[in-house]
Amino acid sequence: MHAFRIGKLLGLEIRIDWSWVFIFVLLTWNLSSIFSRWHPDWSPAETFSVALVASLLFFGCILLHELAHSLVARRHGLRVRSITLFLFGGISNIEHEPPSARAEFFIAIVGPITSILLGVGFLAASLVTAGVSLAHADTALNGYARLGPLETLLAWLGPINLTIGAFNLIPAFPLDGGRVLRSILWGIGDDLRTSTRRVSAVGQMFGWLLIVTGSR
């Protein structure tokens, strides 16, 4: 990957692949469109500013997801060189396979758990800060229109983090759920290679399922 370094966090080098710039611009543009429908009274500058902050916070959440993987990996004695954000999200550059099925399980599961906790936290905060407005809204769209910039950010970040957490639990490589499944099979059969082949087959099945369902 062609990535550039932006700094270090907790001893880990943070890098951004150039493909990330493309998806960041695309996400900000898409959110500007969404927020302009939610808030027709907002000026274009305000809409763009909130969309820009939402994109930055979104990738901050992705970074926390990967940071959780990396910290647990280091706790199990694995060296983590860097975290890279790219087109499809992020990746922790862990140098070796986990030493045991137990380590694999905890390293893999902590990412989705982090995203789900973030989602729950953002949703709870949005309910606290905007509950009165939403309770008196006639429709969902009117409810969004009553939200301020902060409440809008929270209302968007909550569901998107829950979606990321749930999606990553799909038991297929290269998703975290695939590594969780591999750790379980590894623990049962005590054979990493066989477990890897089986989970790879499951991943291919899910891939074909997505292709078939997406073509309909």
N, C-alpha and C. Protein backbone atom coordinates (compact mmCIF):
# COMPACT_ATOMS: atom_id res chain seq x y z
N MET A 1 0.83 -1.19 0.00
CA MET A 1 0.00 0.00 0.00
C MET A 1 0.87 1.25 0.00
N HIS A 2 0.47 2.28 -0.74
CA HIS A 2 1.18 3.54 -0.79
C HIS A 2 0.58 4.45 0.26
N ALA A 3 1.19 4.46 1.44
CA ALA A 3 0.63 5.19 2.57
C ALA A 3 1.64 6.21 3.08
N PHE A 4 1.12 7.24 3.72
CA PHE A 4 1.98 8.24 4.32
C PHE A 4 1.70 8.32 5.82
N ARG A 5 2.74 8.63 6.57
CA ARG A 5 2.66 8.66 8.02
C ARG A 5 2.08 9.98 8.49
N ILE A 6 1.16 9.92 9.48
CA ILE A 6 0.59 11.15 10.03
C ILE A 6 0.95 11.35 11.50
N GLY A 7 1.57 10.34 12.13
CA GLY A 7 1.97 10.48 13.52
C GLY A 7 2.00 9.16 14.25
N LYS A 8 2.13 9.23 15.57
CA LYS A 8 2.16 8.03 16.40
C LYS A 8 1.14 8.17 17.52
N LEU A 9 0.54 7.04 17.91
CA LEU A 9 -0.44 7.01 18.98
C LEU A 9 -0.18 5.76 19.83
N LEU A 10 0.10 5.97 21.11
CA LEU A 10 0.39 4.87 22.03
C LEU A 10 1.52 3.99 21.50
N GLY A 11 2.49 4.63 20.88
CA GLY A 11 3.64 3.90 20.36
C GLY A 11 3.42 3.26 19.01
N LEU A 12 2.26 3.43 18.43
CA LEU A 12 1.95 2.82 17.13
C LEU A 12 1.97 3.89 16.04
N GLU A 13 2.63 3.57 14.94
CA GLU A 13 2.67 4.49 13.81
C GLU A 13 1.32 4.48 13.10
N ILE A 14 0.76 5.66 12.86
CA ILE A 14 -0.52 5.79 12.17
C ILE A 14 -0.26 6.26 10.75
N ARG A 15 -0.75 5.51 9.78
CA ARG A 15 -0.53 5.82 8.37
C ARG A 15 -1.86 5.90 7.63
N ILE A 16 -1.85 6.64 6.55
CA ILE A 16 -3.04 6.78 5.71
C ILE A 16 -2.67 6.44 4.27
N ASP A 17 -3.38 5.48 3.71
CA ASP A 17 -3.20 5.13 2.31
C ASP A 17 -3.88 6.19 1.44
N TRP A 18 -3.32 6.42 0.25
CA TRP A 18 -3.88 7.45 -0.62
C TRP A 18 -5.32 7.15 -1.02
N SER A 19 -5.70 5.87 -1.03
CA SER A 19 -7.08 5.51 -1.37
C SER A 19 -8.06 6.06 -0.33
N TRP A 20 -7.57 6.27 0.90
CA TRP A 20 -8.41 6.82 1.96
C TRP A 20 -8.88 8.23 1.59
N VAL A 21 -8.02 9.00 0.93
CA VAL A 21 -8.39 10.37 0.56
C VAL A 21 -9.62 10.35 -0.34
N PHE A 22 -9.66 9.39 -1.27
CA PHE A 22 -10.80 9.28 -2.18
C PHE A 22 -12.09 8.99 -1.40
N ILE A 23 -12.06 8.00 -0.51
CA ILE A 23 -13.26 7.63 0.21
C ILE A 23 -13.65 8.72 1.21
N PHE A 24 -12.68 9.46 1.74
CA PHE A 24 -12.98 10.56 2.65
C PHE A 24 -13.74 11.66 1.93
N VAL A 25 -13.28 12.01 0.75
CA VAL A 25 -13.96 13.04 -0.05
C VAL A 25 -15.36 12.57 -0.44
N LEU A 26 -15.47 11.29 -0.87
CA LEU A 26 -16.76 10.75 -1.27
C LEU A 26 -17.74 10.72 -0.09
N LEU A 27 -17.26 10.31 1.09
CA LEU A 27 -18.12 10.26 2.26
C LEU A 27 -18.59 11.65 2.67
N THR A 28 -17.68 12.61 2.66
CA THR A 28 -18.05 13.98 3.03
C THR A 28 -19.09 14.54 2.07
N TRP A 29 -18.91 14.29 0.78
CA TRP A 29 -19.88 14.76 -0.22
C TRP A 29 -21.24 14.10 0.00
N ASN A 30 -21.24 12.79 0.27
CA ASN A 30 -22.49 12.07 0.49
C ASN A 30 -23.20 12.56 1.76
N LEU A 31 -22.44 12.79 2.82
CA LEU A 31 -23.03 13.27 4.06
C LEU A 31 -23.57 14.69 3.90
N SER A 32 -22.90 15.50 3.09
CA SER A 32 -23.42 16.84 2.82
C SER A 32 -24.81 16.77 2.20
N SER A 33 -24.99 15.80 1.29
CA SER A 33 -26.29 15.61 0.66
C SER A 33 -27.34 15.13 1.67
N ILE A 34 -26.93 14.18 2.53
CA ILE A 34 -27.85 13.65 3.54
C ILE A 34 -28.25 14.74 4.53
N PHE A 35 -27.29 15.48 5.04
CA PHE A 35 -27.58 16.49 6.06
C PHE A 35 -28.37 17.66 5.48
N SER A 36 -28.18 17.94 4.20
CA SER A 36 -28.97 19.01 3.59
C SER A 36 -30.44 18.62 3.50
N ARG A 37 -30.72 17.31 3.37
CA ARG A 37 -32.13 16.85 3.38
C ARG A 37 -32.67 16.86 4.81
N TRP A 38 -31.83 16.50 5.77
CA TRP A 38 -32.26 16.53 7.16
C TRP A 38 -32.53 17.96 7.64
N HIS A 39 -31.68 18.89 7.14
CA HIS A 39 -31.73 20.28 7.62
C HIS A 39 -31.80 21.25 6.44
N PRO A 40 -32.96 21.38 5.81
CA PRO A 40 -33.07 22.28 4.66
C PRO A 40 -32.83 23.75 5.01
N ASP A 41 -32.91 24.07 6.31
CA ASP A 41 -32.69 25.46 6.72
C ASP A 41 -31.22 25.78 6.95
N TRP A 42 -30.35 24.76 6.94
CA TRP A 42 -28.93 25.01 7.14
C TRP A 42 -28.31 25.62 5.88
N SER A 43 -27.31 26.47 6.08
CA SER A 43 -26.58 27.02 4.94
C SER A 43 -25.65 25.95 4.37
N PRO A 44 -25.24 26.08 3.11
CA PRO A 44 -24.31 25.10 2.54
C PRO A 44 -23.02 24.98 3.34
N ALA A 45 -22.53 26.11 3.87
CA ALA A 45 -21.29 26.08 4.65
C ALA A 45 -21.47 25.27 5.93
N GLU A 46 -22.62 25.45 6.60
CA GLU A 46 -22.87 24.71 7.84
C GLU A 46 -23.04 23.22 7.55
N THR A 47 -23.75 22.91 6.49
CA THR A 47 -23.95 21.51 6.11
C THR A 47 -22.63 20.83 5.80
N PHE A 48 -21.79 21.52 5.03
CA PHE A 48 -20.49 20.94 4.67
C PHE A 48 -19.60 20.78 5.90
N SER A 49 -19.63 21.76 6.80
CA SER A 49 -18.79 21.70 7.99
C SER A 49 -19.16 20.51 8.87
N VAL A 50 -20.46 20.29 9.07
CA VAL A 50 -20.90 19.16 9.89
C VAL A 50 -20.55 17.83 9.20
N ALA A 51 -20.70 17.80 7.87
CA ALA A 51 -20.35 16.59 7.12
C ALA A 51 -18.86 16.30 7.23
N LEU A 52 -18.04 17.34 7.17
CA LEU A 52 -16.59 17.17 7.27
C LEU A 52 -16.20 16.63 8.65
N VAL A 53 -16.81 17.19 9.70
CA VAL A 53 -16.53 16.72 11.06
C VAL A 53 -17.00 15.27 11.22
N ALA A 54 -18.18 14.95 10.65
CA ALA A 54 -18.71 13.59 10.74
C ALA A 54 -17.76 12.59 10.09
N SER A 55 -17.19 12.95 8.93
CA SER A 55 -16.24 12.07 8.25
C SER A 55 -14.99 11.86 9.09
N LEU A 56 -14.48 12.94 9.67
CA LEU A 56 -13.29 12.83 10.51
C LEU A 56 -13.55 11.96 11.73
N LEU A 57 -14.71 12.15 12.38
CA LEU A 57 -15.06 11.34 13.54
C LEU A 57 -15.28 9.88 13.16
N PHE A 58 -15.86 9.66 11.99
CA PHE A 58 -16.08 8.29 11.52
C PHE A 58 -14.75 7.55 11.39
N PHE A 59 -13.78 8.19 10.75
CA PHE A 59 -12.48 7.53 10.60
C PHE A 59 -11.73 7.48 11.92
N GLY A 60 -12.05 8.41 12.83
CA GLY A 60 -11.51 8.30 14.17
C GLY A 60 -12.02 7.04 14.86
N CYS A 61 -13.30 6.72 14.63
CA CYS A 61 -13.88 5.49 15.19
C CYS A 61 -13.24 4.25 14.58
N ILE A 62 -12.96 4.30 13.26
CA ILE A 62 -12.26 3.20 12.61
C ILE A 62 -10.87 3.02 13.23
N LEU A 63 -10.22 4.14 13.50
CA LEU A 63 -8.90 4.08 14.12
C LEU A 63 -8.97 3.45 15.51
N LEU A 64 -10.00 3.79 16.28
CA LEU A 64 -10.16 3.18 17.61
C LEU A 64 -10.41 1.68 17.49
N HIS A 65 -11.18 1.28 16.49
CA HIS A 65 -11.44 -0.15 16.22
C HIS A 65 -10.12 -0.88 16.00
N GLU A 66 -9.27 -0.32 15.14
CA GLU A 66 -7.99 -0.96 14.85
C GLU A 66 -7.02 -0.84 16.03
N LEU A 67 -7.10 0.26 16.75
CA LEU A 67 -6.24 0.42 17.92
C LEU A 67 -6.54 -0.64 18.96
N ALA A 68 -7.82 -0.98 19.11
CA ALA A 68 -8.19 -2.04 20.06
C ALA A 68 -7.55 -3.37 19.65
N HIS A 69 -7.61 -3.71 18.35
CA HIS A 69 -6.93 -4.92 17.87
C HIS A 69 -5.45 -4.89 18.24
N SER A 70 -4.81 -3.76 17.95
CA SER A 70 -3.37 -3.65 18.12
C SER A 70 -2.95 -3.76 19.58
N LEU A 71 -3.69 -3.11 20.47
CA LEU A 71 -3.32 -3.13 21.88
C LEU A 71 -3.48 -4.53 22.48
N VAL A 72 -4.53 -5.23 22.09
CA VAL A 72 -4.71 -6.59 22.59
C VAL A 72 -3.65 -7.51 22.00
N ALA A 73 -3.30 -7.29 20.73
CA ALA A 73 -2.23 -8.09 20.12
C ALA A 73 -0.90 -7.88 20.87
N ARG A 74 -0.60 -6.64 21.19
CA ARG A 74 0.64 -6.38 21.94
C ARG A 74 0.59 -7.01 23.33
N ARG A 75 -0.59 -7.04 23.92
CA ARG A 75 -0.74 -7.66 25.23
C ARG A 75 -0.42 -9.15 25.18
N HIS A 76 -0.64 -9.75 24.00
CA HIS A 76 -0.35 -11.17 23.83
C HIS A 76 1.03 -11.40 23.22
N GLY A 77 1.88 -10.38 23.29
CA GLY A 77 3.27 -10.55 22.88
C GLY A 77 3.55 -10.39 21.41
N LEU A 78 2.60 -9.90 20.63
CA LEU A 78 2.80 -9.72 19.20
C LEU A 78 3.27 -8.29 18.90
N ARG A 79 4.14 -8.16 17.95
CA ARG A 79 4.62 -6.84 17.55
C ARG A 79 3.68 -6.26 16.51
N VAL A 80 3.26 -5.01 16.74
CA VAL A 80 2.40 -4.30 15.80
C VAL A 80 3.17 -3.10 15.27
N ARG A 81 3.45 -3.10 14.00
CA ARG A 81 4.27 -2.04 13.43
C ARG A 81 3.50 -0.74 13.22
N SER A 82 2.25 -0.85 12.73
CA SER A 82 1.51 0.37 12.41
C SER A 82 0.04 0.05 12.20
N ILE A 83 -0.75 1.11 12.13
CA ILE A 83 -2.15 1.02 11.75
C ILE A 83 -2.32 1.87 10.49
N THR A 84 -2.95 1.31 9.47
CA THR A 84 -3.13 2.03 8.22
C THR A 84 -4.61 2.15 7.90
N LEU A 85 -5.06 3.37 7.64
CA LEU A 85 -6.42 3.62 7.16
C LEU A 85 -6.38 3.64 5.64
N PHE A 86 -7.33 2.93 5.01
CA PHE A 86 -7.35 2.87 3.55
C PHE A 86 -8.79 2.81 3.06
N LEU A 87 -8.95 2.50 1.79
CA LEU A 87 -10.25 2.59 1.12
C LEU A 87 -11.35 1.86 1.85
N PHE A 88 -11.08 0.65 2.34
CA PHE A 88 -12.12 -0.18 2.94
C PHE A 88 -12.16 -0.12 4.46
N GLY A 89 -11.45 0.82 5.06
CA GLY A 89 -11.49 0.96 6.51
C GLY A 89 -10.11 1.09 7.11
N GLY A 90 -9.65 0.04 7.78
CA GLY A 90 -8.33 0.10 8.41
C GLY A 90 -7.76 -1.28 8.61
N ILE A 91 -6.46 -1.31 8.88
CA ILE A 91 -5.80 -2.60 9.12
C ILE A 91 -4.66 -2.39 10.11
N SER A 92 -4.55 -3.31 11.05
CA SER A 92 -3.44 -3.31 12.00
C SER A 92 -2.36 -4.24 11.45
N ASN A 93 -1.17 -3.71 11.30
CA ASN A 93 -0.07 -4.49 10.72
C ASN A 93 0.62 -5.31 11.80
N ILE A 94 0.01 -6.45 12.12
CA ILE A 94 0.54 -7.37 13.13
C ILE A 94 1.50 -8.32 12.43
N GLU A 95 2.72 -8.44 12.95
CA GLU A 95 3.78 -9.14 12.22
C GLU A 95 3.60 -10.65 12.16
N HIS A 96 3.00 -11.27 13.19
CA HIS A 96 2.93 -12.73 13.22
C HIS A 96 1.53 -13.19 13.56
N GLU A 97 1.27 -14.48 13.30
CA GLU A 97 0.02 -15.08 13.72
C GLU A 97 -0.04 -15.14 15.25
N PRO A 98 -1.23 -15.08 15.82
CA PRO A 98 -1.36 -15.19 17.28
C PRO A 98 -0.77 -16.50 17.78
N PRO A 99 -0.26 -16.52 19.00
CA PRO A 99 0.39 -17.72 19.53
C PRO A 99 -0.58 -18.82 19.93
N SER A 100 -1.87 -18.49 20.07
CA SER A 100 -2.84 -19.49 20.51
C SER A 100 -4.23 -19.10 20.01
N ALA A 101 -5.14 -20.08 20.07
CA ALA A 101 -6.52 -19.81 19.68
C ALA A 101 -7.15 -18.77 20.60
N ARG A 102 -6.81 -18.83 21.86
CA ARG A 102 -7.35 -17.86 22.83
C ARG A 102 -6.93 -16.44 22.47
N ALA A 103 -5.64 -16.27 22.14
CA ALA A 103 -5.15 -14.95 21.75
C ALA A 103 -5.83 -14.47 20.48
N GLU A 104 -5.98 -15.35 19.50
CA GLU A 104 -6.66 -15.02 18.24
C GLU A 104 -8.08 -14.54 18.51
N PHE A 105 -8.78 -15.23 19.40
CA PHE A 105 -10.16 -14.88 19.69
C PHE A 105 -10.26 -13.46 20.26
N PHE A 106 -9.44 -13.16 21.26
CA PHE A 106 -9.54 -11.86 21.91
C PHE A 106 -9.06 -10.72 21.01
N ILE A 107 -8.02 -10.98 20.22
CA ILE A 107 -7.53 -9.97 19.29
C ILE A 107 -8.60 -9.64 18.25
N ALA A 108 -9.30 -10.67 17.77
CA ALA A 108 -10.30 -10.46 16.73
C ALA A 108 -11.59 -9.84 17.26
N ILE A 109 -12.06 -10.30 18.40
CA ILE A 109 -13.38 -9.89 18.89
C ILE A 109 -13.39 -8.47 19.43
N VAL A 110 -12.22 -7.97 19.87
CA VAL A 110 -12.21 -6.67 20.53
C VAL A 110 -12.54 -5.53 19.56
N GLY A 111 -12.25 -5.69 18.28
CA GLY A 111 -12.57 -4.64 17.31
C GLY A 111 -14.06 -4.41 17.16
N PRO A 112 -14.84 -5.46 16.82
CA PRO A 112 -16.29 -5.29 16.74
C PRO A 112 -16.91 -4.83 18.05
N ILE A 113 -16.41 -5.32 19.18
CA ILE A 113 -16.94 -4.89 20.48
C ILE A 113 -16.72 -3.39 20.65
N THR A 114 -15.55 -2.91 20.25
CA THR A 114 -15.26 -1.48 20.35
C THR A 114 -16.24 -0.67 19.51
N SER A 115 -16.48 -1.10 18.28
CA SER A 115 -17.42 -0.38 17.40
C SER A 115 -18.83 -0.39 17.96
N ILE A 116 -19.25 -1.54 18.48
CA ILE A 116 -20.60 -1.64 19.05
C ILE A 116 -20.74 -0.75 20.27
N LEU A 117 -19.73 -0.74 21.13
CA LEU A 117 -19.78 0.14 22.31
C LEU A 117 -19.81 1.61 21.91
N LEU A 118 -19.04 1.97 20.89
CA LEU A 118 -19.08 3.33 20.39
C LEU A 118 -20.47 3.67 19.87
N GLY A 119 -21.06 2.74 19.12
CA GLY A 119 -22.40 2.97 18.58
C GLY A 119 -23.43 3.16 19.67
N VAL A 120 -23.40 2.30 20.68
CA VAL A 120 -24.33 2.41 21.80
C VAL A 120 -24.11 3.73 22.53
N GLY A 121 -22.85 4.11 22.73
CA GLY A 121 -22.55 5.36 23.41
C GLY A 121 -23.06 6.58 22.66
N PHE A 122 -22.83 6.60 21.35
CA PHE A 122 -23.30 7.72 20.54
C PHE A 122 -24.83 7.79 20.53
N LEU A 123 -25.48 6.63 20.41
CA LEU A 123 -26.94 6.62 20.41
C LEU A 123 -27.50 7.09 21.76
N ALA A 124 -26.90 6.63 22.84
CA ALA A 124 -27.35 7.05 24.17
C ALA A 124 -27.19 8.56 24.33
N ALA A 125 -26.05 9.08 23.87
CA ALA A 125 -25.82 10.52 23.96
C ALA A 125 -26.82 11.29 23.11
N SER A 126 -27.15 10.76 21.94
CA SER A 126 -28.12 11.45 21.07
C SER A 126 -29.50 11.46 21.69
N LEU A 127 -29.87 10.37 22.37
CA LEU A 127 -31.18 10.32 23.03
C LEU A 127 -31.24 11.31 24.19
N VAL A 128 -30.13 11.44 24.92
CA VAL A 128 -30.09 12.37 26.05
C VAL A 128 -30.17 13.81 25.57
N THR A 129 -29.40 14.13 24.53
CA THR A 129 -29.32 15.51 24.07
C THR A 129 -30.49 15.93 23.18
N ALA A 130 -31.12 14.96 22.50
CA ALA A 130 -32.17 15.31 21.53
C ALA A 130 -33.48 14.59 21.78
N GLY A 131 -33.63 13.91 22.92
CA GLY A 131 -34.84 13.14 23.17
C GLY A 131 -36.10 13.96 23.14
N VAL A 132 -36.07 15.15 23.67
CA VAL A 132 -37.28 15.99 23.70
C VAL A 132 -37.69 16.38 22.30
N SER A 133 -36.70 16.75 21.47
CA SER A 133 -37.03 17.15 20.10
C SER A 133 -37.63 16.01 19.31
N LEU A 134 -37.02 14.81 19.42
CA LEU A 134 -37.51 13.67 18.67
C LEU A 134 -38.87 13.22 19.18
N ALA A 135 -39.11 13.35 20.46
CA ALA A 135 -40.39 12.90 21.03
C ALA A 135 -41.55 13.71 20.51
N HIS A 136 -41.30 14.96 20.15
CA HIS A 136 -42.37 15.82 19.68
C HIS A 136 -42.38 15.97 18.16
N ALA A 137 -41.61 15.16 17.48
CA ALA A 137 -41.56 15.24 16.02
C ALA A 137 -42.68 14.41 15.41
N ASP A 138 -43.30 14.97 14.35
CA ASP A 138 -44.38 14.25 13.68
C ASP A 138 -43.85 13.11 12.83
N THR A 139 -42.72 13.29 12.20
CA THR A 139 -42.10 12.26 11.37
C THR A 139 -40.62 12.20 11.69
N ALA A 140 -39.99 11.14 11.20
CA ALA A 140 -38.55 10.99 11.44
C ALA A 140 -37.79 12.15 10.81
N LEU A 141 -38.19 12.56 9.60
CA LEU A 141 -37.49 13.64 8.91
C LEU A 141 -37.63 14.95 9.67
N ASN A 142 -38.84 15.21 10.18
CA ASN A 142 -39.03 16.41 11.00
C ASN A 142 -38.20 16.31 12.28
N GLY A 143 -38.09 15.10 12.81
CA GLY A 143 -37.27 14.90 13.99
C GLY A 143 -35.82 15.25 13.73
N TYR A 144 -35.28 14.81 12.58
CA TYR A 144 -33.91 15.16 12.23
C TYR A 144 -33.77 16.66 12.05
N ALA A 145 -34.78 17.30 11.48
CA ALA A 145 -34.72 18.74 11.22
C ALA A 145 -34.61 19.54 12.51
N ARG A 146 -35.10 18.99 13.61
CA ARG A 146 -35.04 19.68 14.90
C ARG A 146 -33.69 19.54 15.58
N LEU A 147 -32.82 18.67 15.07
CA LEU A 147 -31.53 18.43 15.71
C LEU A 147 -30.54 19.54 15.39
N GLY A 148 -29.71 19.85 16.36
CA GLY A 148 -28.60 20.76 16.14
C GLY A 148 -27.42 20.02 15.56
N PRO A 149 -26.32 20.71 15.27
CA PRO A 149 -25.13 20.06 14.69
C PRO A 149 -24.59 18.91 15.54
N LEU A 150 -24.47 19.10 16.86
CA LEU A 150 -23.95 18.05 17.71
C LEU A 150 -24.87 16.84 17.72
N GLU A 151 -26.17 17.07 17.88
CA GLU A 151 -27.13 15.97 17.91
C GLU A 151 -27.16 15.23 16.58
N THR A 152 -26.98 15.95 15.48
CA THR A 152 -26.94 15.33 14.15
C THR A 152 -25.74 14.39 14.04
N LEU A 153 -24.59 14.84 14.52
CA LEU A 153 -23.39 13.99 14.50
C LEU A 153 -23.62 12.72 15.30
N LEU A 154 -24.18 12.86 16.50
CA LEU A 154 -24.40 11.70 17.36
C LEU A 154 -25.41 10.74 16.73
N ALA A 155 -26.48 11.30 16.15
CA ALA A 155 -27.53 10.46 15.55
C ALA A 155 -27.01 9.68 14.35
N TRP A 156 -25.99 10.20 13.67
CA TRP A 156 -25.42 9.47 12.52
C TRP A 156 -24.34 8.50 12.96
N LEU A 157 -23.49 8.92 13.89
CA LEU A 157 -22.37 8.08 14.31
C LEU A 157 -22.83 6.83 15.06
N GLY A 158 -23.94 6.91 15.79
CA GLY A 158 -24.43 5.74 16.52
C GLY A 158 -24.74 4.56 15.62
N PRO A 159 -25.68 4.70 14.70
CA PRO A 159 -26.03 3.57 13.82
C PRO A 159 -24.87 3.10 12.94
N ILE A 160 -24.03 4.02 12.46
CA ILE A 160 -22.96 3.60 11.57
C ILE A 160 -21.93 2.75 12.30
N ASN A 161 -21.65 3.06 13.57
CA ASN A 161 -20.73 2.23 14.33
C ASN A 161 -21.33 0.88 14.68
N LEU A 162 -22.62 0.85 14.98
CA LEU A 162 -23.29 -0.44 15.22
C LEU A 162 -23.24 -1.31 13.97
N THR A 163 -23.43 -0.67 12.81
CA THR A 163 -23.37 -1.41 11.54
C THR A 163 -21.98 -1.97 11.29
N ILE A 164 -20.96 -1.18 11.56
CA ILE A 164 -19.58 -1.64 11.38
C ILE A 164 -19.29 -2.82 12.29
N GLY A 165 -19.72 -2.70 13.55
CA GLY A 165 -19.49 -3.78 14.50
C GLY A 165 -20.18 -5.07 14.08
N ALA A 166 -21.45 -4.95 13.68
CA ALA A 166 -22.22 -6.13 13.28
C ALA A 166 -21.65 -6.74 11.99
N PHE A 167 -21.30 -5.88 11.02
CA PHE A 167 -20.77 -6.37 9.75
C PHE A 167 -19.47 -7.14 9.95
N ASN A 168 -18.62 -6.62 10.84
CA ASN A 168 -17.33 -7.27 11.07
C ASN A 168 -17.46 -8.60 11.79
N LEU A 169 -18.63 -8.88 12.35
CA LEU A 169 -18.83 -10.17 13.02
C LEU A 169 -19.28 -11.27 12.06
N ILE A 170 -19.48 -10.92 10.79
CA ILE A 170 -19.79 -11.96 9.80
C ILE A 170 -18.64 -12.96 9.77
N PRO A 171 -18.91 -14.26 9.93
CA PRO A 171 -17.84 -15.25 10.07
C PRO A 171 -17.16 -15.60 8.76
N ALA A 172 -16.47 -14.63 8.18
CA ALA A 172 -15.79 -14.85 6.90
C ALA A 172 -14.54 -13.98 6.84
N PHE A 173 -13.45 -14.54 6.33
CA PHE A 173 -12.24 -13.74 6.10
C PHE A 173 -12.52 -12.72 5.02
N PRO A 174 -11.92 -11.52 5.07
CA PRO A 174 -10.93 -11.07 6.06
C PRO A 174 -11.56 -10.33 7.24
N LEU A 175 -12.87 -10.49 7.42
CA LEU A 175 -13.55 -9.80 8.51
C LEU A 175 -13.15 -10.39 9.86
N ASP A 176 -13.35 -9.60 10.92
CA ASP A 176 -13.00 -10.06 12.26
C ASP A 176 -13.77 -11.31 12.65
N GLY A 177 -15.01 -11.41 12.18
CA GLY A 177 -15.81 -12.59 12.48
C GLY A 177 -15.19 -13.86 11.94
N GLY A 178 -14.49 -13.75 10.81
CA GLY A 178 -13.79 -14.91 10.27
C GLY A 178 -12.66 -15.35 11.18
N ARG A 179 -11.97 -14.39 11.75
CA ARG A 179 -10.88 -14.73 12.68
C ARG A 179 -11.44 -15.28 13.99
N VAL A 180 -12.59 -14.78 14.40
CA VAL A 180 -13.23 -15.33 15.60
C VAL A 180 -13.61 -16.79 15.36
N LEU A 181 -14.21 -17.06 14.20
CA LEU A 181 -14.59 -18.44 13.87
C LEU A 181 -13.36 -19.32 13.78
N ARG A 182 -12.28 -18.79 13.18
CA ARG A 182 -11.06 -19.59 13.08
C ARG A 182 -10.50 -19.92 14.46
N SER A 183 -10.57 -18.96 15.37
CA SER A 183 -10.06 -19.22 16.71
C SER A 183 -10.86 -20.31 17.41
N ILE A 184 -12.16 -20.32 17.17
CA ILE A 184 -13.01 -21.35 17.78
C ILE A 184 -12.67 -22.73 17.20
N LEU A 185 -12.57 -22.80 15.86
CA LEU A 185 -12.22 -24.07 15.22
C LEU A 185 -10.81 -24.51 15.61
N TRP A 186 -9.91 -23.55 15.71
CA TRP A 186 -8.54 -23.83 16.12
C TRP A 186 -8.51 -24.40 17.54
N GLY A 187 -9.30 -23.80 18.42
CA GLY A 187 -9.35 -24.28 19.79
C GLY A 187 -9.93 -25.68 19.90
N ILE A 188 -10.92 -25.98 19.04
CA ILE A 188 -11.56 -27.30 19.08
C ILE A 188 -10.66 -28.37 18.48
N GLY A 189 -10.09 -28.07 17.30
CA GLY A 189 -9.31 -29.08 16.59
C GLY A 189 -7.81 -29.00 16.78
N ASP A 190 -7.33 -27.90 17.37
CA ASP A 190 -5.90 -27.72 17.62
C ASP A 190 -5.09 -27.80 16.33
N ASP A 191 -5.66 -27.25 15.23
CA ASP A 191 -4.97 -27.27 13.93
C ASP A 191 -5.25 -25.95 13.22
N LEU A 192 -4.26 -25.06 13.21
CA LEU A 192 -4.44 -23.72 12.63
C LEU A 192 -4.67 -23.78 11.12
N ARG A 193 -3.89 -24.61 10.42
CA ARG A 193 -4.01 -24.67 8.96
C ARG A 193 -5.39 -25.16 8.52
N THR A 194 -5.86 -26.23 9.14
CA THR A 194 -7.17 -26.76 8.79
C THR A 194 -8.26 -25.74 9.11
N SER A 195 -8.15 -25.08 10.24
CA SER A 195 -9.13 -24.06 10.63
C SER A 195 -9.14 -22.91 9.63
N THR A 196 -7.96 -22.53 9.15
CA THR A 196 -7.85 -21.45 8.17
C THR A 196 -8.53 -21.83 6.87
N ARG A 197 -8.31 -23.07 6.40
CA ARG A 197 -8.94 -23.53 5.16
C ARG A 197 -10.46 -23.54 5.29
N ARG A 198 -10.96 -23.99 6.41
CA ARG A 198 -12.40 -24.07 6.61
C ARG A 198 -13.05 -22.69 6.64
N VAL A 199 -12.39 -21.77 7.33
CA VAL A 199 -12.95 -20.41 7.40
C VAL A 199 -12.84 -19.72 6.04
N SER A 200 -11.79 -20.00 5.30
CA SER A 200 -11.66 -19.45 3.94
C SER A 200 -12.80 -19.94 3.06
N ALA A 201 -13.18 -21.21 3.21
CA ALA A 201 -14.30 -21.76 2.45
C ALA A 201 -15.61 -21.07 2.82
N VAL A 202 -15.77 -20.80 4.11
CA VAL A 202 -16.96 -20.08 4.56
C VAL A 202 -16.97 -18.67 3.98
N GLY A 203 -15.80 -18.03 3.93
CA GLY A 203 -15.69 -16.70 3.35
C GLY A 203 -16.08 -16.68 1.88
N GLN A 204 -15.65 -17.70 1.13
CA GLN A 204 -16.02 -17.81 -0.27
C GLN A 204 -17.52 -17.98 -0.42
N MET A 205 -18.12 -18.75 0.48
CA MET A 205 -19.56 -18.96 0.44
C MET A 205 -20.31 -17.64 0.64
N PHE A 206 -19.86 -16.86 1.62
CA PHE A 206 -20.48 -15.57 1.86
C PHE A 206 -20.28 -14.62 0.68
N GLY A 207 -19.09 -14.70 0.06
CA GLY A 207 -18.82 -13.87 -1.11
C GLY A 207 -19.79 -14.16 -2.23
N TRP A 208 -19.98 -15.46 -2.53
CA TRP A 208 -20.92 -15.84 -3.59
C TRP A 208 -22.35 -15.46 -3.21
N LEU A 209 -22.68 -15.57 -1.93
CA LEU A 209 -24.01 -15.19 -1.47
C LEU A 209 -24.27 -13.71 -1.71
N LEU A 210 -23.27 -12.89 -1.43
CA LEU A 210 -23.41 -11.45 -1.68
C LEU A 210 -23.55 -11.15 -3.16
N ILE A 211 -22.78 -11.88 -3.99
CA ILE A 211 -22.87 -11.67 -5.44
C ILE A 211 -24.26 -12.04 -5.94
N VAL A 212 -24.78 -13.19 -5.50
CA VAL A 212 -26.10 -13.66 -5.95
C VAL A 212 -27.21 -12.72 -5.49
N THR A 213 -27.19 -12.35 -4.21
CA THR A 213 -28.24 -11.47 -3.69
C THR A 213 -28.13 -10.06 -4.27
N GLY A 214 -26.89 -9.62 -4.55
CA GLY A 214 -26.71 -8.27 -5.08
C GLY A 214 -27.12 -8.15 -6.53
N SER A 215 -27.14 -9.30 -7.25
CA SER A 215 -27.50 -9.26 -8.68
C SER A 215 -29.00 -9.30 -8.90
N ARG A 216 -29.76 -9.52 -7.83
CA ARG A 216 -31.22 -9.60 -7.98
C ARG A 216 -31.86 -8.23 -7.87
